[in-house]
Amino acid sequence: MRFISSLALLSLAGLGLATPTSEAINRRQHDAPAVAAGSDSHGIFGALSGRGDTKSGNSKNKAKWTPCLHQNDVDILVDAYVRMISHWNDDDAKYLTDDFIDTSDSINILAGIPLGSPTFSSKQAFIDHQHTQPDNLPLVITHKSPYSCTEMAVIWQATFGVAQKQVRGISIAEATKENGFWQIKRIDVEFNSLAYLLDMGGSYKMPGQ
């Protein structure tokens, strides 16, 4: 999954190659770009995203700047997501991009939508659903996973409806800052759909029963 990535740094000495001479080390230190202390709270993720400028003589080469999520950004989007599912308000539609998409096979299996297909293929489809059949789930976030530059994940639970069975799920959201503020571009969510079915007043029969 793209959400969590790892970086491995391999040294020449660790590979058993020749030990660099002091001249080579000095040359490398001279050629290495300087990184301002405290310029990026995301460390190497910020460096890989192309932050900062490199100057050489009278010329200036600008690297492409890619914004990355910070904890405050994650908190704002997670709070907006909880409001969307718990009690829809049209004001929160601004937190969804125009090309927003929502995918959940947990919902698809209950709604008769082909598995693997988008549950809501557009922002407007999601909004229309909230106007006609709002979720109104008492969503409680129980865990916020570490986030990457543009993705975040939460574990949530909700107890509601006829059976009052606890539904527990995970939502992974992709975010973007193309319009000057952070918005949710995509959500992938899966949960205990059998408990959800019972809470909606449905029933099921296990094999052998």
Protein backbone atom coordinates (compact mmCIF):
# COMPACT_ATOMS: atom_id res chain seq x y z
CA MET A 1 0.00 0.00 0.00
CA ARG A 2 1.20 3.50 -0.81
CA PHE A 3 0.27 4.95 2.58
CA ILE A 4 3.37 3.84 4.48
CA SER A 5 6.73 3.96 2.70
CA SER A 6 10.27 3.25 3.93
CA LEU A 7 13.66 4.51 2.83
CA ALA A 8 16.88 2.51 3.06
CA LEU A 9 20.21 4.33 2.99
CA LEU A 10 23.10 2.18 1.81
CA SER A 11 26.72 3.25 2.45
CA LEU A 12 29.69 2.33 0.29
CA ALA A 13 31.52 1.05 3.35
CA GLY A 14 28.57 -1.18 4.23
CA LEU A 15 28.74 -2.73 0.77
CA GLY A 16 32.41 -3.61 1.31
CA LEU A 17 33.70 -1.18 -1.32
CA ALA A 18 36.87 0.87 -1.03
CA THR A 19 36.99 3.38 1.81
CA PRO A 20 36.81 6.92 0.38
CA THR A 21 39.90 9.05 0.80
CA SER A 22 39.86 12.24 2.84
CA GLU A 23 40.12 14.20 -0.43
CA ALA A 24 37.00 12.50 -1.76
CA ILE A 25 35.14 13.15 1.50
CA ASN A 26 36.06 16.83 1.40
CA ARG A 27 34.94 17.03 -2.22
CA ARG A 28 31.58 15.47 -1.36
CA GLN A 29 31.04 17.79 1.57
CA HIS A 30 31.86 20.77 -0.63
CA ASP A 31 29.45 19.68 -3.39
CA ALA A 32 26.59 18.65 -1.07
CA PRO A 33 23.68 21.17 -0.96
CA ALA A 34 23.15 22.87 2.37
CA VAL A 35 19.87 22.24 4.20
CA ALA A 36 18.60 24.94 6.52
CA ALA A 37 17.93 23.65 10.01
CA GLY A 38 14.25 23.49 10.89
CA SER A 39 13.15 24.26 7.33
CA ASP A 40 11.01 21.12 7.04
CA SER A 41 9.30 19.26 9.86
CA HIS A 42 8.92 16.23 7.61
CA GLY A 43 12.65 15.73 7.22
CA ILE A 44 13.56 13.55 4.27
CA PHE A 45 9.95 13.46 2.99
CA GLY A 46 10.13 17.23 2.50
CA ALA A 47 13.54 16.94 0.83
CA LEU A 48 12.25 14.34 -1.59
CA SER A 49 9.25 16.48 -2.43
CA GLY A 50 11.56 19.12 -3.88
CA ARG A 51 11.45 21.88 -1.30
CA GLY A 52 13.97 24.70 -1.28
CA ASP A 53 16.08 26.54 -3.83
CA THR A 54 19.63 25.92 -5.02
CA LYS A 55 21.80 28.91 -5.96
CA SER A 56 24.90 28.70 -8.15
CA GLY A 57 26.73 31.94 -8.95
CA ASN A 58 24.32 34.45 -10.47
CA SER A 59 21.82 31.76 -11.56
CA LYS A 60 19.02 30.40 -9.40
CA ASN A 61 17.39 27.01 -9.99
CA LYS A 62 14.04 26.54 -8.33
CA ALA A 63 13.00 22.98 -7.49
CA LYS A 64 9.30 22.17 -7.73
CA TRP A 65 7.64 22.78 -4.38
CA THR A 66 5.19 20.14 -3.20
CA PRO A 67 3.18 20.87 -0.05
CA CYS A 68 3.01 18.15 2.58
CA LEU A 69 0.47 17.56 5.34
CA HIS A 70 1.24 18.68 8.87
CA GLN A 71 -0.54 17.49 12.01
CA ASN A 72 -2.82 20.53 12.09
CA ASP A 73 -3.89 19.89 8.47
CA VAL A 74 -4.65 16.25 9.31
CA ASP A 75 -6.72 17.28 12.35
CA ILE A 76 -8.80 19.71 10.27
CA LEU A 77 -9.55 17.15 7.56
CA VAL A 78 -10.30 14.35 10.04
CA ASP A 79 -12.70 16.61 11.94
CA ALA A 80 -14.41 17.53 8.65
CA TYR A 81 -14.68 13.84 7.71
CA VAL A 82 -16.31 13.00 11.05
CA ARG A 83 -18.85 15.78 10.56
CA MET A 84 -19.63 14.59 7.02
CA ILE A 85 -20.46 11.08 8.22
CA SER A 86 -22.03 11.99 11.56
CA HIS A 87 -24.15 14.98 10.55
CA TRP A 88 -23.84 16.35 7.02
CA ASN A 89 -23.52 20.10 6.55
CA ASP A 90 -23.16 21.61 3.08
CA ASP A 91 -20.46 23.94 4.41
CA ASP A 92 -18.13 20.92 4.67
CA ALA A 93 -18.43 20.19 0.94
CA LYS A 94 -15.53 22.62 0.47
CA TYR A 95 -13.23 19.98 1.95
CA LEU A 96 -13.89 17.69 -1.02
CA THR A 97 -12.16 18.22 -4.38
CA ASP A 98 -14.25 18.54 -7.53
CA ASP A 99 -12.92 15.15 -8.69
CA PHE A 100 -13.57 13.46 -5.33
CA ILE A 101 -14.14 9.69 -5.32
CA ASP A 102 -15.18 7.31 -2.53
CA THR A 103 -14.63 3.54 -2.69
CA SER A 104 -15.84 0.90 -0.21
CA ASP A 105 -16.59 -2.75 -0.93
CA SER A 106 -18.12 -2.92 2.55
CA ILE A 107 -20.81 -0.54 1.28
CA ASN A 108 -20.91 -1.98 -2.23
CA ILE A 109 -21.80 -5.49 -1.01
CA LEU A 110 -24.75 -4.07 0.93
CA ALA A 111 -25.89 -1.64 -1.77
CA GLY A 112 -25.67 -4.04 -4.70
CA ILE A 113 -22.83 -2.14 -6.35
CA PRO A 114 -20.24 -4.27 -8.22
CA LEU A 115 -17.30 -5.00 -5.95
CA GLY A 116 -14.22 -2.97 -6.79
CA SER A 117 -16.32 -0.17 -8.28
CA PRO A 118 -16.44 3.38 -6.88
CA THR A 119 -19.15 3.72 -4.27
CA PHE A 120 -19.49 7.41 -5.03
CA SER A 121 -17.84 8.27 -8.32
CA SER A 122 -18.12 12.05 -7.89
CA LYS A 123 -18.39 14.79 -5.31
CA GLN A 124 -21.97 15.50 -6.36
CA ALA A 125 -22.97 11.84 -6.00
CA PHE A 126 -21.65 11.86 -2.43
CA ILE A 127 -23.47 15.11 -1.61
CA ASP A 128 -26.72 13.84 -3.15
CA HIS A 129 -26.50 10.73 -0.98
CA GLN A 130 -26.05 12.81 2.16
CA HIS A 131 -29.12 14.89 1.21
CA THR A 132 -31.39 11.90 0.57
CA GLN A 133 -29.97 9.12 2.79
CA PRO A 134 -27.54 10.73 5.23
CA ASP A 135 -25.27 8.34 7.07
CA ASN A 136 -25.74 10.02 10.46
CA LEU A 137 -23.30 7.60 12.08
CA PRO A 138 -22.04 8.54 15.57
CA LEU A 139 -18.48 8.22 14.33
CA VAL A 140 -15.75 8.11 16.99
CA ILE A 141 -12.10 8.21 15.94
CA THR A 142 -10.13 5.73 18.05
CA HIS A 143 -6.76 5.97 16.33
CA LYS A 144 -4.96 8.28 13.93
CA SER A 145 -2.24 6.49 12.02
CA PRO A 146 1.04 8.20 11.12
CA TYR A 147 0.49 10.20 7.92
CA SER A 148 2.57 10.67 4.81
CA CYS A 149 2.96 13.74 2.60
CA THR A 150 -0.54 13.49 1.11
CA GLU A 151 -2.25 10.52 2.79
CA MET A 152 -3.67 9.80 6.23
CA ALA A 153 -5.60 6.98 7.90
CA VAL A 154 -7.97 6.71 10.84
CA ILE A 155 -9.61 3.83 12.69
CA TRP A 156 -13.14 4.56 13.83
CA GLN A 157 -16.13 2.95 15.48
CA ALA A 158 -19.87 3.60 15.57
CA THR A 159 -22.73 1.96 17.47
CA PHE A 160 -26.23 2.75 16.24
CA GLY A 161 -29.56 1.52 14.88
CA VAL A 162 -31.66 -1.53 15.70
CA ALA A 163 -29.05 -3.98 16.95
CA GLN A 164 -26.66 -1.49 18.55
CA LYS A 165 -23.73 -3.59 17.32
CA GLN A 166 -20.37 -1.81 17.25
CA VAL A 167 -19.16 -1.23 13.72
CA ARG A 168 -15.40 -0.77 13.48
CA GLY A 169 -13.64 0.40 10.34
CA ILE A 170 -10.65 2.08 8.76
CA SER A 171 -10.63 5.02 6.37
CA ILE A 172 -7.67 6.07 4.24
CA ALA A 173 -7.83 9.51 2.68
CA GLU A 174 -5.72 11.11 -0.04
CA ALA A 175 -5.45 14.89 0.23
CA THR A 176 -4.35 17.71 -2.04
CA LYS A 177 -3.68 21.43 -1.69
CA GLU A 178 -4.23 22.42 -5.31
CA ASN A 179 -6.79 25.12 -4.45
CA GLY A 180 -4.77 26.82 -1.72
CA PHE A 181 -6.11 24.76 1.18
CA TRP A 182 -6.20 21.05 1.98
CA GLN A 183 -9.05 19.00 0.52
CA ILE A 184 -9.89 15.30 0.43
CA LYS A 185 -9.43 13.86 -3.05
CA ARG A 186 -10.17 10.19 -2.37
CA ILE A 187 -11.43 8.02 0.47
CA ASP A 188 -11.08 4.25 0.78
CA VAL A 189 -13.10 2.87 3.68
CA GLU A 190 -13.79 -0.68 4.87
CA PHE A 191 -15.67 -1.85 7.96
CA ASN A 192 -17.59 -4.71 9.61
CA SER A 193 -20.46 -4.80 7.11
CA LEU A 194 -22.34 -7.63 8.88
CA ALA A 195 -22.59 -5.59 12.08
CA TYR A 196 -23.65 -2.61 9.96
CA LEU A 197 -26.34 -4.76 8.31
CA LEU A 198 -27.75 -5.77 11.71
CA ASP A 199 -27.76 -2.17 12.89
CA MET A 200 -29.77 -1.24 9.80
CA GLY A 201 -32.38 -3.86 10.73
CA GLY A 202 -31.20 -6.49 8.27
CA SER A 203 -30.27 -10.09 8.89
CA TYR A 204 -28.01 -12.79 7.49
CA LYS A 205 -27.56 -16.55 7.76
CA MET A 206 -24.18 -18.12 8.29
CA PRO A 207 -23.30 -21.31 6.36
CA GLY A 208 -24.48 -24.42 8.17
CA GLN A 209 -27.21 -22.64 10.07
